[in-house]
Amino acid sequence: MYKVKEVTNLVGVSVRTLHHYDEIELLQPESITPAGYRLYTNQNLKRLQRYLSKKWVSRYSKYSNPYRLWNMARKWRKQKCLKDLK
């Protein structure tokens, strides 16, 4: 299980972004400790990476070949952080 700060370091999003995703129910933590810490699992992180990849591709697809961008996003995803989570 990962705390919010650990997720931000692994994935590269801000604490505020994770809290926002929780508020809009895009990515909810697996559990919340009695002290209020949000805890995320590997499955949560994989889902977040998929979402960020799709967001990146959709944002930049109007500027280039979508197939090329999808491959770039896949390479970014592999390089970024989920090597050790597979």
C-alpha atoms as a PDB file:
ATOM      1  CA  MET A   1       0.000   0.000   0.000  1.00  0.00           C
ATOM      2  CA  TYR A   2       1.214   3.469  -0.878  1.00  0.00           C
ATOM      3  CA  LYS A   3       0.475   6.779   0.806  1.00  0.00           C
ATOM      4  CA  VAL A   4      -0.341   9.858  -1.274  1.00  0.00           C
ATOM      5  CA  LYS A   5       3.201  11.255  -1.146  1.00  0.00           C
ATOM      6  CA  GLU A   6       4.636   7.942  -2.355  1.00  0.00           C
ATOM      7  CA  VAL A   7       2.168   7.885  -5.253  1.00  0.00           C
ATOM      8  CA  THR A   8       3.107  11.436  -6.248  1.00  0.00           C
ATOM      9  CA  ASN A   9       6.773  10.455  -6.322  1.00  0.00           C
ATOM     10  CA  LEU A  10       6.111   7.323  -8.377  1.00  0.00           C
ATOM     11  CA  VAL A  11       3.645   8.733 -10.889  1.00  0.00           C
ATOM     12  CA  GLY A  12       4.538  12.414 -11.060  1.00  0.00           C
ATOM     13  CA  VAL A  13       1.216  14.039 -10.201  1.00  0.00           C
ATOM     14  CA  SER A  14       0.612  16.473  -7.363  1.00  0.00           C
ATOM     15  CA  VAL A  15      -1.005  15.703  -4.025  1.00  0.00           C
ATOM     16  CA  ARG A  16      -3.803  18.093  -4.964  1.00  0.00           C
ATOM     17  CA  THR A  17      -4.402  16.180  -8.203  1.00  0.00           C
ATOM     18  CA  LEU A  18      -4.786  12.901  -6.317  1.00  0.00           C
ATOM     19  CA  HIS A  19      -7.179  14.510  -3.860  1.00  0.00           C
ATOM     20  CA  HIS A  20      -9.167  15.945  -6.772  1.00  0.00           C
ATOM     21  CA  TYR A  21      -9.350  12.524  -8.479  1.00  0.00           C
ATOM     22  CA  ASP A  22     -10.657  11.122  -5.195  1.00  0.00           C
ATOM     23  CA  GLU A  23     -13.281  13.880  -4.902  1.00  0.00           C
ATOM     24  CA  ILE A  24     -14.624  13.292  -8.417  1.00  0.00           C
ATOM     25  CA  GLU A  25     -14.398   9.509  -7.903  1.00  0.00           C
ATOM     26  CA  LEU A  26     -11.987   9.005 -10.781  1.00  0.00           C
ATOM     27  CA  LEU A  27      -9.422   7.279  -8.575  1.00  0.00           C
ATOM     28  CA  GLN A  28     -10.436   6.430  -5.053  1.00  0.00           C
ATOM     29  CA  PRO A  29      -7.950   5.000  -2.563  1.00  0.00           C
ATOM     30  CA  GLU A  30      -8.250   1.375  -1.589  1.00  0.00           C
ATOM     31  CA  SER A  31      -8.608   2.385   2.051  1.00  0.00           C
ATOM     32  CA  ILE A  32      -8.241   5.307   4.431  1.00  0.00           C
ATOM     33  CA  THR A  33      -6.471   4.915   7.753  1.00  0.00           C
ATOM     34  CA  PRO A  34      -8.028   6.133  11.015  1.00  0.00           C
ATOM     35  CA  ALA A  35      -5.569   9.043  10.840  1.00  0.00           C
ATOM     36  CA  GLY A  36      -6.996  10.018   7.431  1.00  0.00           C
ATOM     37  CA  TYR A  37      -4.175   8.807   5.179  1.00  0.00           C
ATOM     38  CA  ARG A  38      -5.309   7.598   1.770  1.00  0.00           C
ATOM     39  CA  LEU A  39      -3.753   4.257   0.819  1.00  0.00           C
ATOM     40  CA  TYR A  40      -3.359   3.119  -2.785  1.00  0.00           C
ATOM     41  CA  THR A  41      -2.572  -0.334  -4.170  1.00  0.00           C
ATOM     42  CA  ASN A  42      -0.616  -1.369  -7.249  1.00  0.00           C
ATOM     43  CA  GLN A  43      -3.945  -1.766  -9.047  1.00  0.00           C
ATOM     44  CA  ASN A  44      -4.832   1.863  -8.247  1.00  0.00           C
ATOM     45  CA  LEU A  45      -1.480   3.004  -9.636  1.00  0.00           C
ATOM     46  CA  LYS A  46      -1.919   1.016 -12.831  1.00  0.00           C
ATOM     47  CA  ARG A  47      -5.357   2.536 -13.324  1.00  0.00           C
ATOM     48  CA  LEU A  48      -3.925   6.019 -12.768  1.00  0.00           C
ATOM     49  CA  GLN A  49      -1.169   5.386 -15.319  1.00  0.00           C
ATOM     50  CA  ARG A  50      -3.721   4.199 -17.899  1.00  0.00           C
ATOM     51  CA  TYR A  51      -5.810   7.313 -17.320  1.00  0.00           C
ATOM     52  CA  LEU A  52      -2.810   9.637 -17.592  1.00  0.00           C
ATOM     53  CA  SER A  53      -1.659   7.934 -20.807  1.00  0.00           C
ATOM     54  CA  LYS A  54      -5.096   8.293 -22.386  1.00  0.00           C
ATOM     55  CA  LYS A  55      -5.329  11.898 -21.235  1.00  0.00           C
ATOM     56  CA  TRP A  56      -1.927  12.667 -22.740  1.00  0.00           C
ATOM     57  CA  VAL A  57      -2.765  11.010 -26.056  1.00  0.00           C
ATOM     58  CA  SER A  58      -6.143  12.730 -26.351  1.00  0.00           C
ATOM     59  CA  ARG A  59      -4.618  16.115 -25.539  1.00  0.00           C
ATOM     60  CA  TYR A  60      -1.907  15.920 -28.195  1.00  0.00           C
ATOM     61  CA  SER A  61      -3.583  13.786 -30.856  1.00  0.00           C
ATOM     62  CA  LYS A  62      -4.847  16.830 -32.737  1.00  0.00           C
ATOM     63  CA  TYR A  63      -1.235  17.913 -33.317  1.00  0.00           C
ATOM     64  CA  SER A  64       0.201  14.716 -34.714  1.00  0.00           C
ATOM     65  CA  ASN A  65      -0.408  11.197 -35.873  1.00  0.00           C
ATOM     66  CA  PRO A  66      -2.475   9.444 -33.151  1.00  0.00           C
ATOM     67  CA  TYR A  67      -0.669   6.122 -33.679  1.00  0.00           C
ATOM     68  CA  ARG A  68       2.697   7.802 -33.131  1.00  0.00           C
ATOM     69  CA  LEU A  69       1.428   9.527 -30.008  1.00  0.00           C
ATOM     70  CA  TRP A  70       0.025   6.310 -28.597  1.00  0.00           C
ATOM     71  CA  ASN A  71       3.420   4.652 -29.009  1.00  0.00           C
ATOM     72  CA  MET A  72       5.077   7.625 -27.314  1.00  0.00           C
ATOM     73  CA  ALA A  73       2.658   7.343 -24.404  1.00  0.00           C
ATOM     74  CA  ARG A  74       3.344   3.618 -24.066  1.00  0.00           C
ATOM     75  CA  LYS A  75       7.078   4.254 -23.968  1.00  0.00           C
ATOM     76  CA  TRP A  76       6.598   7.035 -21.396  1.00  0.00           C
ATOM     77  CA  ARG A  77       4.453   4.766 -19.257  1.00  0.00           C
ATOM     78  CA  LYS A  78       7.048   2.007 -19.318  1.00  0.00           C
ATOM     79  CA  GLN A  79       9.874   4.389 -18.457  1.00  0.00           C
ATOM     80  CA  LYS A  80       8.023   6.388 -15.827  1.00  0.00           C
ATOM     81  CA  CYS A  81       7.415   4.186 -12.846  1.00  0.00           C
ATOM     82  CA  LEU A  82       5.479   0.989 -13.210  1.00  0.00           C
ATOM     83  CA  LYS A  83       8.408  -1.295 -13.986  1.00  0.00           C
ATOM     84  CA  ASP A  84       8.535  -2.496 -10.416  1.00  0.00           C
ATOM     85  CA  LEU A  85       4.737  -2.728 -10.057  1.00  0.00           C
ATOM     86  CA  LYS A  86       4.079  -5.369 -12.717  1.00  0.00           C
END
